[in-house]
Amino acid sequence: MMLAPKILLLTCLSMLAFAGNSLLCRLALKHTAIDAASFTSVRLVSGAIVLALIVLLRDRAARKAGAAKVQSNVAGKGGNWISALALYTYAAAFSFAYTTLPTGTGALLLFGTVQAGMIGYGLMMGERFSLPQLVGLGCAFAGLIWLVLPGVAAPPLAGALLMLLAGISWAVYSLRAKGAGDPTAVTAGNFSRAAVFALVFSFATPASASLDVPGIAYGLLSGAIASGMGYAIWYTVLRSLPATSAAVLQSSVPVLAAIGGVLLLGEQFTLRLVVAAIAILGGVSLVILQKRVPAAKAGTQVPTQNKL
């Protein structure tokens, strides 16, 4: 399917935004004085504000255009607390993991865990995979295991486990968001609730708090631009993308993050990272591109469109 130039441009921008989250988080936690909990709070609060403004302006424009009915879900009216907790767990584990993980390794662990978790959920719900899909799933899991196995080039275990937790939490959030209504409004509501969790944790641990202007600036860019505006753009282009294309396109995010880490942060590609990336991204693509057999249970469908 040939994408229109506008859709292609917006898709590229959204992938850059998702990769930018990894870069901005790693940049802030490696080169500024901000702590992981404060970065998470700045990111979620600023993301919640931008998403709420986007929904508000969109609904106002729809009313002016004479829409018969506009259902506003700004600032907490969309979403729910359970999904918000999953969102907060993802964001917090993501930030704490990046205190030790290189950018590309963290993004690959996150992406691989999210996709493997959602594919595994499909199997649990009765979806039957073909032999090539099972091979692809095995390659993806093998790549994740290879990436975190002890060795000279292995990432720090604590950071790797935290990023695996972030990936599982995002998979849970994505699965709960399936069919939850207007995705931008629901995300705005969940961000506002997740920001409450983040602020409570930050205020409850004042002794570990550390802030500086550059760190706050990176947090604002991550929340307002890479998260808030990035998600809004992604939801716009999803309407014009087949599900398989949307899922495969997300395979570019760890690669973009790794390239950004090399160019901007002086990080290095390692043989372990390259081998794991080939196994994880190749395995996930093999699962997605193969035609699936419908789930055995009526009404179960596993979303292949998720965000990082």
C-alpha atoms as a PDB file:
ATOM      1  CA  MET A   1       0.000   0.000   0.000  1.00  0.00           C
ATOM      2  CA  MET A   2       1.450   3.359  -1.128  1.00  0.00           C
ATOM      3  CA  LEU A   3       1.028   6.024   1.530  1.00  0.00           C
ATOM      4  CA  ALA A   4       0.082   9.592   0.661  1.00  0.00           C
ATOM      5  CA  PRO A   5       2.965  12.053   1.211  1.00  0.00           C
ATOM      6  CA  LYS A   6       1.162  13.727   4.125  1.00  0.00           C
ATOM      7  CA  ILE A   7       0.489  10.392   5.873  1.00  0.00           C
ATOM      8  CA  LEU A   8       4.068   9.284   5.244  1.00  0.00           C
ATOM      9  CA  LEU A   9       5.417  12.512   6.738  1.00  0.00           C
ATOM     10  CA  LEU A  10       3.176  12.285   9.810  1.00  0.00           C
ATOM     11  CA  THR A  11       4.107   8.618  10.271  1.00  0.00           C
ATOM     12  CA  CYS A  12       7.814   9.473  10.183  1.00  0.00           C
ATOM     13  CA  LEU A  13       7.243  12.275  12.707  1.00  0.00           C
ATOM     14  CA  SER A  14       5.408   9.961  15.101  1.00  0.00           C
ATOM     15  CA  MET A  15       8.166   7.307  14.899  1.00  0.00           C
ATOM     16  CA  LEU A  16      10.771  10.008  15.563  1.00  0.00           C
ATOM     17  CA  ALA A  17       8.706  11.188  18.543  1.00  0.00           C
ATOM     18  CA  PHE A  18       8.569   7.690  20.049  1.00  0.00           C
ATOM     19  CA  ALA A  19      12.316   7.223  19.573  1.00  0.00           C
ATOM     20  CA  GLY A  20      12.762  10.718  20.983  1.00  0.00           C
ATOM     21  CA  ASN A  21      11.241   9.625  24.289  1.00  0.00           C
ATOM     22  CA  SER A  22      14.113   7.186  24.789  1.00  0.00           C
ATOM     23  CA  LEU A  23      16.715   9.745  23.750  1.00  0.00           C
ATOM     24  CA  LEU A  24      15.325  12.556  25.899  1.00  0.00           C
ATOM     25  CA  CYS A  25      14.976  10.319  28.957  1.00  0.00           C
ATOM     26  CA  ARG A  26      18.497   8.920  28.634  1.00  0.00           C
ATOM     27  CA  LEU A  27      19.900  12.384  27.910  1.00  0.00           C
ATOM     28  CA  ALA A  28      18.219  13.859  30.985  1.00  0.00           C
ATOM     29  CA  LEU A  29      19.183  11.093  33.378  1.00  0.00           C
ATOM     30  CA  LYS A  30      22.773  10.813  32.131  1.00  0.00           C
ATOM     31  CA  HIS A  31      23.722  14.454  31.589  1.00  0.00           C
ATOM     32  CA  THR A  32      21.578  16.480  34.004  1.00  0.00           C
ATOM     33  CA  ALA A  33      20.871  16.418  37.733  1.00  0.00           C
ATOM     34  CA  ILE A  34      17.174  15.475  37.487  1.00  0.00           C
ATOM     35  CA  ASP A  35      16.166  12.231  39.195  1.00  0.00           C
ATOM     36  CA  ALA A  36      14.052   9.538  37.546  1.00  0.00           C
ATOM     37  CA  ALA A  37      10.919  10.167  39.641  1.00  0.00           C
ATOM     38  CA  SER A  38      10.952  13.908  38.949  1.00  0.00           C
ATOM     39  CA  PHE A  39      11.521  13.302  35.234  1.00  0.00           C
ATOM     40  CA  THR A  40       8.512  10.969  35.200  1.00  0.00           C
ATOM     41  CA  SER A  41       6.360  13.607  36.911  1.00  0.00           C
ATOM     42  CA  VAL A  42       7.411  16.359  34.494  1.00  0.00           C
ATOM     43  CA  ARG A  43       6.813  14.072  31.520  1.00  0.00           C
ATOM     44  CA  LEU A  44       3.357  12.903  32.594  1.00  0.00           C
ATOM     45  CA  VAL A  45       2.102  16.301  33.781  1.00  0.00           C
ATOM     46  CA  SER A  46       3.219  18.098  30.617  1.00  0.00           C
ATOM     47  CA  GLY A  47       1.872  15.278  28.440  1.00  0.00           C
ATOM     48  CA  ALA A  48      -1.476  15.431  30.236  1.00  0.00           C
ATOM     49  CA  ILE A  49      -1.733  19.207  29.706  1.00  0.00           C
ATOM     50  CA  VAL A  50      -0.905  19.012  25.992  1.00  0.00           C
ATOM     51  CA  LEU A  51      -3.282  16.097  25.357  1.00  0.00           C
ATOM     52  CA  ALA A  52      -6.085  17.851  27.249  1.00  0.00           C
ATOM     53  CA  LEU A  53      -5.537  21.003  25.166  1.00  0.00           C
ATOM     54  CA  ILE A  54      -5.557  18.970  21.944  1.00  0.00           C
ATOM     55  CA  VAL A  55      -8.875  17.335  22.864  1.00  0.00           C
ATOM     56  CA  LEU A  56     -10.348  20.683  23.992  1.00  0.00           C
ATOM     57  CA  LEU A  57      -9.359  22.495  20.791  1.00  0.00           C
ATOM     58  CA  ARG A  58     -10.517  19.589  18.636  1.00  0.00           C
ATOM     59  CA  ASP A  59     -13.911  19.456  20.307  1.00  0.00           C
ATOM     60  CA  ARG A  60     -14.308  23.224  20.098  1.00  0.00           C
ATOM     61  CA  ALA A  61     -13.502  23.140  16.376  1.00  0.00           C
ATOM     62  CA  ALA A  62     -16.023  20.336  15.890  1.00  0.00           C
ATOM     63  CA  ARG A  63     -18.732  22.350  17.642  1.00  0.00           C
ATOM     64  CA  LYS A  64     -18.010  25.391  15.504  1.00  0.00           C
ATOM     65  CA  ALA A  65     -18.217  23.198  12.427  1.00  0.00           C
ATOM     66  CA  GLY A  66     -21.771  22.267  13.439  1.00  0.00           C
ATOM     67  CA  ALA A  67     -21.188  18.724  14.623  1.00  0.00           C
ATOM     68  CA  ALA A  68     -24.384  17.208  15.921  1.00  0.00           C
ATOM     69  CA  LYS A  69     -22.783  15.772  19.032  1.00  0.00           C
ATOM     70  CA  VAL A  70     -19.309  16.172  20.487  1.00  0.00           C
ATOM     71  CA  GLN A  71     -18.365  14.111  23.473  1.00  0.00           C
ATOM     72  CA  SER A  72     -15.621  15.842  25.428  1.00  0.00           C
ATOM     73  CA  ASN A  73     -13.328  13.750  27.593  1.00  0.00           C
ATOM     74  CA  VAL A  74     -10.832  16.379  28.658  1.00  0.00           C
ATOM     75  CA  ALA A  75      -8.828  16.290  31.890  1.00  0.00           C
ATOM     76  CA  GLY A  76      -9.874  13.033  33.421  1.00  0.00           C
ATOM     77  CA  LYS A  77     -13.307  12.361  31.921  1.00  0.00           C
ATOM     78  CA  GLY A  78     -11.808   9.711  29.638  1.00  0.00           C
ATOM     79  CA  GLY A  79      -9.814   6.691  30.734  1.00  0.00           C
ATOM     80  CA  ASN A  80      -9.816   4.998  34.129  1.00  0.00           C
ATOM     81  CA  TRP A  81      -7.583   4.548  37.153  1.00  0.00           C
ATOM     82  CA  ILE A  82      -6.487   0.970  36.398  1.00  0.00           C
ATOM     83  CA  SER A  83      -5.231   1.907  32.939  1.00  0.00           C
ATOM     84  CA  ALA A  84      -3.637   5.016  34.418  1.00  0.00           C
ATOM     85  CA  LEU A  85      -1.760   2.855  36.939  1.00  0.00           C
ATOM     86  CA  ALA A  86      -0.434   0.701  34.087  1.00  0.00           C
ATOM     87  CA  LEU A  87       0.582   3.883  32.243  1.00  0.00           C
ATOM     88  CA  TYR A  88       2.356   5.265  35.314  1.00  0.00           C
ATOM     89  CA  THR A  89       4.140   1.954  35.955  1.00  0.00           C
ATOM     90  CA  TYR A  90       5.393   1.995  32.359  1.00  0.00           C
ATOM     91  CA  ALA A  91       6.583   5.609  32.577  1.00  0.00           C
ATOM     92  CA  ALA A  92       8.265   5.211  35.978  1.00  0.00           C
ATOM     93  CA  ALA A  93       9.992   1.908  35.151  1.00  0.00           C
ATOM     94  CA  PHE A  94      11.049   3.420  31.802  1.00  0.00           C
ATOM     95  CA  SER A  95      12.697   6.384  33.551  1.00  0.00           C
ATOM     96  CA  PHE A  96      14.439   4.369  36.274  1.00  0.00           C
ATOM     97  CA  ALA A  97      15.681   1.839  33.681  1.00  0.00           C
ATOM     98  CA  TYR A  98      17.307   4.605  31.660  1.00  0.00           C
ATOM     99  CA  THR A  99      19.490   5.625  34.575  1.00  0.00           C
ATOM    100  CA  THR A 100      21.714   2.690  33.542  1.00  0.00           C
ATOM    101  CA  LEU A 101      20.642   1.390  30.107  1.00  0.00           C
ATOM    102  CA  PRO A 102      21.998   2.652  26.785  1.00  0.00           C
ATOM    103  CA  THR A 103      19.341   4.238  24.565  1.00  0.00           C
ATOM    104  CA  GLY A 104      19.143   1.557  21.874  1.00  0.00           C
ATOM    105  CA  THR A 105      19.223  -1.358  24.311  1.00  0.00           C
ATOM    106  CA  GLY A 106      16.416   0.156  26.381  1.00  0.00           C
ATOM    107  CA  ALA A 107      14.224   0.853  23.338  1.00  0.00           C
ATOM    108  CA  LEU A 108      14.784  -2.659  21.986  1.00  0.00           C
ATOM    109  CA  LEU A 109      13.928  -4.271  25.328  1.00  0.00           C
ATOM    110  CA  LEU A 110      10.798  -2.126  25.591  1.00  0.00           C
ATOM    111  CA  PHE A 111       9.588  -2.767  22.045  1.00  0.00           C
ATOM    112  CA  GLY A 112      10.348  -6.483  22.144  1.00  0.00           C
ATOM    113  CA  THR A 113       8.572  -6.956  25.464  1.00  0.00           C
ATOM    114  CA  VAL A 114       5.482  -5.009  24.367  1.00  0.00           C
ATOM    115  CA  GLN A 115       5.106  -6.942  21.124  1.00  0.00           C
ATOM    116  CA  ALA A 116       5.912 -10.321  22.672  1.00  0.00           C
ATOM    117  CA  GLY A 117       3.459  -9.653  25.494  1.00  0.00           C
ATOM    118  CA  MET A 118       0.622  -8.736  23.164  1.00  0.00           C
ATOM    119  CA  ILE A 119       1.330 -11.656  20.839  1.00  0.00           C
ATOM    120  CA  GLY A 120       1.475 -13.984  23.848  1.00  0.00           C
ATOM    121  CA  TYR A 121      -1.877 -12.626  24.985  1.00  0.00           C
ATOM    122  CA  GLY A 122      -3.291 -13.608  21.609  1.00  0.00           C
ATOM    123  CA  LEU A 123      -2.110 -17.174  22.109  1.00  0.00           C
ATOM    124  CA  MET A 124      -3.665 -17.255  25.592  1.00  0.00           C
ATOM    125  CA  MET A 125      -6.967 -16.061  24.145  1.00  0.00           C
ATOM    126  CA  GLY A 126      -7.025 -18.982  21.701  1.00  0.00           C
ATOM    127  CA  GLU A 127      -5.460 -17.434  18.626  1.00  0.00           C
ATOM    128  CA  ARG A 128      -3.703 -20.106  16.577  1.00  0.00           C
ATOM    129  CA  PHE A 129      -0.384 -19.304  14.921  1.00  0.00           C
ATOM    130  CA  SER A 130       1.122 -20.887  11.836  1.00  0.00           C
ATOM    131  CA  LEU A 131       4.520 -22.583  11.980  1.00  0.00           C
ATOM    132  CA  PRO A 132       6.366 -19.500  10.571  1.00  0.00           C
ATOM    133  CA  GLN A 133       4.679 -17.338  13.199  1.00  0.00           C
ATOM    134  CA  LEU A 134       5.718 -19.686  15.999  1.00  0.00           C
ATOM    135  CA  VAL A 135       9.285 -19.608  14.650  1.00  0.00           C
ATOM    136  CA  GLY A 136       9.126 -15.806  14.618  1.00  0.00           C
ATOM    137  CA  LEU A 137       7.808 -15.699  18.179  1.00  0.00           C
ATOM    138  CA  GLY A 138      10.595 -18.048  19.284  1.00  0.00           C
ATOM    139  CA  CYS A 139      13.196 -15.828  17.615  1.00  0.00           C
ATOM    140  CA  ALA A 140      11.809 -12.746  19.348  1.00  0.00           C
ATOM    141  CA  PHE A 141      11.904 -14.363  22.793  1.00  0.00           C
ATOM    142  CA  ALA A 142      15.378 -15.782  22.100  1.00  0.00           C
ATOM    143  CA  GLY A 143      16.545 -12.299  21.172  1.00  0.00           C
ATOM    144  CA  LEU A 144      15.228 -10.862  24.428  1.00  0.00           C
ATOM    145  CA  ILE A 145      16.912 -13.615  26.432  1.00  0.00           C
ATOM    146  CA  TRP A 146      20.177 -13.164  24.531  1.00  0.00           C
ATOM    147  CA  LEU A 147      20.125  -9.417  25.167  1.00  0.00           C
ATOM    148  CA  VAL A 148      19.901  -9.784  28.964  1.00  0.00           C
ATOM    149  CA  LEU A 149      22.085 -12.884  29.460  1.00  0.00           C
ATOM    150  CA  PRO A 150      25.102 -12.215  31.697  1.00  0.00           C
ATOM    151  CA  GLY A 151      28.278 -11.365  29.843  1.00  0.00           C
ATOM    152  CA  VAL A 152      30.750  -8.620  29.072  1.00  0.00           C
ATOM    153  CA  ALA A 153      28.329  -6.717  26.817  1.00  0.00           C
ATOM    154  CA  ALA A 154      25.150  -7.452  28.780  1.00  0.00           C
ATOM    155  CA  PRO A 155      23.142  -4.455  30.016  1.00  0.00           C
ATOM    156  CA  PRO A 156      22.843  -3.910  33.790  1.00  0.00           C
ATOM    157  CA  LEU A 157      20.417  -6.506  35.124  1.00  0.00           C
ATOM    158  CA  ALA A 158      18.383  -4.092  37.277  1.00  0.00           C
ATOM    159  CA  GLY A 159      17.900  -1.706  34.369  1.00  0.00           C
ATOM    160  CA  ALA A 160      16.968  -4.550  32.023  1.00  0.00           C
ATOM    161  CA  LEU A 161      14.383  -5.917  34.476  1.00  0.00           C
ATOM    162  CA  LEU A 162      12.887  -2.446  34.928  1.00  0.00           C
ATOM    163  CA  MET A 163      12.565  -2.009  31.156  1.00  0.00           C
ATOM    164  CA  LEU A 164      10.934  -5.439  30.892  1.00  0.00           C
ATOM    165  CA  LEU A 165       8.448  -4.255  33.540  1.00  0.00           C
ATOM    166  CA  ALA A 166       7.876  -1.095  31.480  1.00  0.00           C
ATOM    167  CA  GLY A 167       7.169  -3.201  28.401  1.00  0.00           C
ATOM    168  CA  ILE A 168       4.743  -5.495  30.225  1.00  0.00           C
ATOM    169  CA  SER A 169       2.945  -2.469  31.693  1.00  0.00           C
ATOM    170  CA  TRP A 170       2.633  -0.838  28.279  1.00  0.00           C
ATOM    171  CA  ALA A 171       1.291  -4.082  26.789  1.00  0.00           C
ATOM    172  CA  VAL A 172      -1.340  -4.199  29.562  1.00  0.00           C
ATOM    173  CA  TYR A 173      -2.199  -0.549  28.932  1.00  0.00           C
ATOM    174  CA  SER A 174      -2.518  -1.120  25.178  1.00  0.00           C
ATOM    175  CA  LEU A 175      -4.725  -4.180  25.612  1.00  0.00           C
ATOM    176  CA  ARG A 176      -7.001  -2.330  28.053  1.00  0.00           C
ATOM    177  CA  ALA A 177      -7.228   0.612  25.628  1.00  0.00           C
ATOM    178  CA  LYS A 178      -8.511  -1.591  22.796  1.00  0.00           C
ATOM    179  CA  GLY A 179     -12.011  -0.418  21.921  1.00  0.00           C
ATOM    180  CA  ALA A 180     -12.094   2.080  24.805  1.00  0.00           C
ATOM    181  CA  GLY A 181     -13.518   4.862  22.640  1.00  0.00           C
ATOM    182  CA  ASP A 182     -11.874   8.017  21.344  1.00  0.00           C
ATOM    183  CA  PRO A 183      -8.168   7.097  21.737  1.00  0.00           C
ATOM    184  CA  THR A 184      -6.854  10.659  22.086  1.00  0.00           C
ATOM    185  CA  ALA A 185      -9.436  11.602  24.712  1.00  0.00           C
ATOM    186  CA  VAL A 186      -8.950   8.337  26.598  1.00  0.00           C
ATOM    187  CA  THR A 187      -5.180   8.822  26.576  1.00  0.00           C
ATOM    188  CA  ALA A 188      -5.622  12.403  27.822  1.00  0.00           C
ATOM    189  CA  GLY A 189      -7.693  11.134  30.743  1.00  0.00           C
ATOM    190  CA  ASN A 190      -5.250   8.367  31.548  1.00  0.00           C
ATOM    191  CA  PHE A 191      -2.297  10.766  31.401  1.00  0.00           C
ATOM    192  CA  SER A 192      -4.016  13.118  33.856  1.00  0.00           C
ATOM    193  CA  ARG A 193      -4.618  10.249  36.285  1.00  0.00           C
ATOM    194  CA  ALA A 194      -1.107   8.831  35.828  1.00  0.00           C
ATOM    195  CA  ALA A 195       0.281  12.293  36.590  1.00  0.00           C
ATOM    196  CA  VAL A 196      -1.428  12.080  39.994  1.00  0.00           C
ATOM    197  CA  PHE A 197       0.414   8.821  40.754  1.00  0.00           C
ATOM    198  CA  ALA A 198       3.699  10.392  39.649  1.00  0.00           C
ATOM    199  CA  LEU A 199       3.262  13.519  41.755  1.00  0.00           C
ATOM    200  CA  VAL A 200       2.266  11.518  44.844  1.00  0.00           C
ATOM    201  CA  PHE A 201       5.405   9.376  44.510  1.00  0.00           C
ATOM    202  CA  SER A 202       7.614  12.440  43.990  1.00  0.00           C
ATOM    203  CA  PHE A 203       6.188  14.261  47.009  1.00  0.00           C
ATOM    204  CA  ALA A 204       6.458  11.096  49.106  1.00  0.00           C
ATOM    205  CA  THR A 205      10.197  10.779  48.359  1.00  0.00           C
ATOM    206  CA  PRO A 206      11.539  14.338  48.731  1.00  0.00           C
ATOM    207  CA  ALA A 207      14.946  13.186  49.918  1.00  0.00           C
ATOM    208  CA  SER A 208      15.778  11.692  46.515  1.00  0.00           C
ATOM    209  CA  ALA A 209      14.383  14.605  44.491  1.00  0.00           C
ATOM    210  CA  SER A 210      16.834  16.505  42.319  1.00  0.00           C
ATOM    211  CA  LEU A 211      15.902  19.142  39.731  1.00  0.00           C
ATOM    212  CA  ASP A 212      17.714  21.427  37.339  1.00  0.00           C
ATOM    213  CA  VAL A 213      16.669  23.531  34.358  1.00  0.00           C
ATOM    214  CA  PRO A 214      18.096  21.259  31.616  1.00  0.00           C
ATOM    215  CA  GLY A 215      16.518  18.166  33.175  1.00  0.00           C
ATOM    216  CA  ILE A 216      13.121  19.845  33.439  1.00  0.00           C
ATOM    217  CA  ALA A 217      13.442  21.052  29.842  1.00  0.00           C
ATOM    218  CA  TYR A 218      14.114  17.514  28.603  1.00  0.00           C
ATOM    219  CA  GLY A 219      11.159  16.253  30.639  1.00  0.00           C
ATOM    220  CA  LEU A 220       8.891  18.903  29.099  1.00  0.00           C
ATOM    221  CA  LEU A 221      10.052  17.996  25.592  1.00  0.00           C
ATOM    222  CA  SER A 222       9.468  14.311  26.327  1.00  0.00           C
ATOM    223  CA  GLY A 223       5.993  14.893  27.758  1.00  0.00           C
ATOM    224  CA  ALA A 224       4.623  17.743  25.651  1.00  0.00           C
ATOM    225  CA  ILE A 225       6.221  16.976  22.277  1.00  0.00           C
ATOM    226  CA  ALA A 226       7.367  13.336  22.103  1.00  0.00           C
ATOM    227  CA  SER A 227       4.447  11.957  24.168  1.00  0.00           C
ATOM    228  CA  GLY A 228       1.527  14.382  23.907  1.00  0.00           C
ATOM    229  CA  MET A 229       1.892  15.595  20.329  1.00  0.00           C
ATOM    230  CA  GLY A 230       3.517  12.337  19.208  1.00  0.00           C
ATOM    231  CA  TYR A 231       0.533  10.261  20.338  1.00  0.00           C
ATOM    232  CA  ALA A 232      -1.936  12.725  18.802  1.00  0.00           C
ATOM    233  CA  ILE A 233      -0.147  12.477  15.432  1.00  0.00           C
ATOM    234  CA  TRP A 234      -0.012   8.684  15.671  1.00  0.00           C
ATOM    235  CA  TYR A 235      -3.739   8.393  16.286  1.00  0.00           C
ATOM    236  CA  THR A 236      -4.321  10.580  13.227  1.00  0.00           C
ATOM    237  CA  VAL A 237      -2.252   8.417  10.879  1.00  0.00           C
ATOM    238  CA  LEU A 238      -3.577   5.120  12.298  1.00  0.00           C
ATOM    239  CA  ARG A 239      -6.838   5.736  10.451  1.00  0.00           C
ATOM    240  CA  SER A 240      -4.950   5.510   7.143  1.00  0.00           C
ATOM    241  CA  LEU A 241      -2.634   2.611   7.989  1.00  0.00           C
ATOM    242  CA  PRO A 242      -3.377  -1.123   7.812  1.00  0.00           C
ATOM    243  CA  ALA A 243      -2.861  -2.796  11.187  1.00  0.00           C
ATOM    244  CA  THR A 244       0.104  -4.841   9.967  1.00  0.00           C
ATOM    245  CA  SER A 245       1.795  -1.763   8.495  1.00  0.00           C
ATOM    246  CA  ALA A 246       1.305   0.127  11.758  1.00  0.00           C
ATOM    247  CA  ALA A 247       2.861  -2.676  13.781  1.00  0.00           C
ATOM    248  CA  VAL A 248       5.809  -3.217  11.433  1.00  0.00           C
ATOM    249  CA  LEU A 249       6.517   0.524  11.244  1.00  0.00           C
ATOM    250  CA  GLN A 250       7.042   0.512  14.999  1.00  0.00           C
ATOM    251  CA  SER A 251       9.988  -1.821  14.430  1.00  0.00           C
ATOM    252  CA  SER A 252      11.871   1.274  13.313  1.00  0.00           C
ATOM    253  CA  VAL A 253      11.658   2.880  16.773  1.00  0.00           C
ATOM    254  CA  PRO A 254      14.481   0.900  18.489  1.00  0.00           C
ATOM    255  CA  VAL A 255      16.665   1.367  15.415  1.00  0.00           C
ATOM    256  CA  LEU A 256      16.059   5.132  15.378  1.00  0.00           C
ATOM    257  CA  ALA A 257      16.703   5.310  19.124  1.00  0.00           C
ATOM    258  CA  ALA A 258      19.957   3.359  18.778  1.00  0.00           C
ATOM    259  CA  ILE A 259      21.148   5.600  15.929  1.00  0.00           C
ATOM    260  CA  GLY A 260      20.248   8.669  17.982  1.00  0.00           C
ATOM    261  CA  GLY A 261      22.176   7.274  20.950  1.00  0.00           C
ATOM    262  CA  VAL A 262      25.273   6.792  18.790  1.00  0.00           C
ATOM    263  CA  LEU A 263      25.080  10.234  17.133  1.00  0.00           C
ATOM    264  CA  LEU A 264      23.962  12.333  20.111  1.00  0.00           C
ATOM    265  CA  LEU A 265      25.165  10.474  23.208  1.00  0.00           C
ATOM    266  CA  GLY A 266      28.332   8.781  21.974  1.00  0.00           C
ATOM    267  CA  GLU A 267      26.954   5.280  22.610  1.00  0.00           C
ATOM    268  CA  GLN A 268      28.212   2.259  20.682  1.00  0.00           C
ATOM    269  CA  PHE A 269      26.593  -0.515  18.725  1.00  0.00           C
ATOM    270  CA  THR A 270      27.579  -3.871  20.222  1.00  0.00           C
ATOM    271  CA  LEU A 271      27.460  -7.273  18.588  1.00  0.00           C
ATOM    272  CA  ARG A 272      25.007  -8.400  21.268  1.00  0.00           C
ATOM    273  CA  LEU A 273      22.656  -5.488  20.438  1.00  0.00           C
ATOM    274  CA  VAL A 274      22.861  -6.125  16.681  1.00  0.00           C
ATOM    275  CA  VAL A 275      22.156  -9.872  17.030  1.00  0.00           C
ATOM    276  CA  ALA A 276      19.305  -9.256  19.476  1.00  0.00           C
ATOM    277  CA  ALA A 277      17.798  -6.571  17.232  1.00  0.00           C
ATOM    278  CA  ILE A 278      17.811  -8.889  14.211  1.00  0.00           C
ATOM    279  CA  ALA A 279      16.207 -11.703  16.220  1.00  0.00           C
ATOM    280  CA  ILE A 280      13.577  -9.552  17.958  1.00  0.00           C
ATOM    281  CA  LEU A 281      12.578  -7.279  15.088  1.00  0.00           C
ATOM    282  CA  GLY A 282      12.795 -10.050  12.493  1.00  0.00           C
ATOM    283  CA  GLY A 283      10.778 -12.433  14.653  1.00  0.00           C
ATOM    284  CA  VAL A 284       8.069  -9.872  15.411  1.00  0.00           C
ATOM    285  CA  SER A 285       7.806  -8.899  11.739  1.00  0.00           C
ATOM    286  CA  LEU A 286       7.445 -12.564  10.788  1.00  0.00           C
ATOM    287  CA  VAL A 287       4.562 -12.973  13.248  1.00  0.00           C
ATOM    288  CA  ILE A 288       2.807  -9.790  12.127  1.00  0.00           C
ATOM    289  CA  LEU A 289       3.167 -10.247   8.366  1.00  0.00           C
ATOM    290  CA  GLN A 290       1.879 -13.814   8.346  1.00  0.00           C
ATOM    291  CA  LYS A 291      -1.890 -14.222   8.138  1.00  0.00           C
ATOM    292  CA  ARG A 292      -3.271 -15.243  11.532  1.00  0.00           C
ATOM    293  CA  VAL A 293      -5.955 -17.769  12.276  1.00  0.00           C
ATOM    294  CA  PRO A 294      -8.906 -16.159  14.140  1.00  0.00           C
ATOM    295  CA  ALA A 295      -9.054 -16.674  17.884  1.00  0.00           C
ATOM    296  CA  ALA A 296     -11.038 -19.665  19.087  1.00  0.00           C
ATOM    297  CA  LYS A 297     -13.051 -17.586  21.551  1.00  0.00           C
ATOM    298  CA  ALA A 298     -15.686 -15.386  20.043  1.00  0.00           C
ATOM    299  CA  GLY A 299     -15.005 -11.687  20.252  1.00  0.00           C
ATOM    300  CA  THR A 300     -11.311 -11.972  21.126  1.00  0.00           C
ATOM    301  CA  GLN A 301      -9.038  -9.931  18.957  1.00  0.00           C
ATOM    302  CA  VAL A 302      -5.517  -8.875  19.716  1.00  0.00           C
ATOM    303  CA  PRO A 303      -4.584  -5.358  18.696  1.00  0.00           C
ATOM    304  CA  THR A 304      -1.432  -4.948  16.614  1.00  0.00           C
ATOM    305  CA  GLN A 305      -1.528  -1.173  16.860  1.00  0.00           C
ATOM    306  CA  ASN A 306       0.140   0.126  19.954  1.00  0.00           C
ATOM    307  CA  LYS A 307       2.479   2.931  20.821  1.00  0.00           C
ATOM    308  CA  LEU A 308       5.776   3.334  22.688  1.00  0.00           C
END
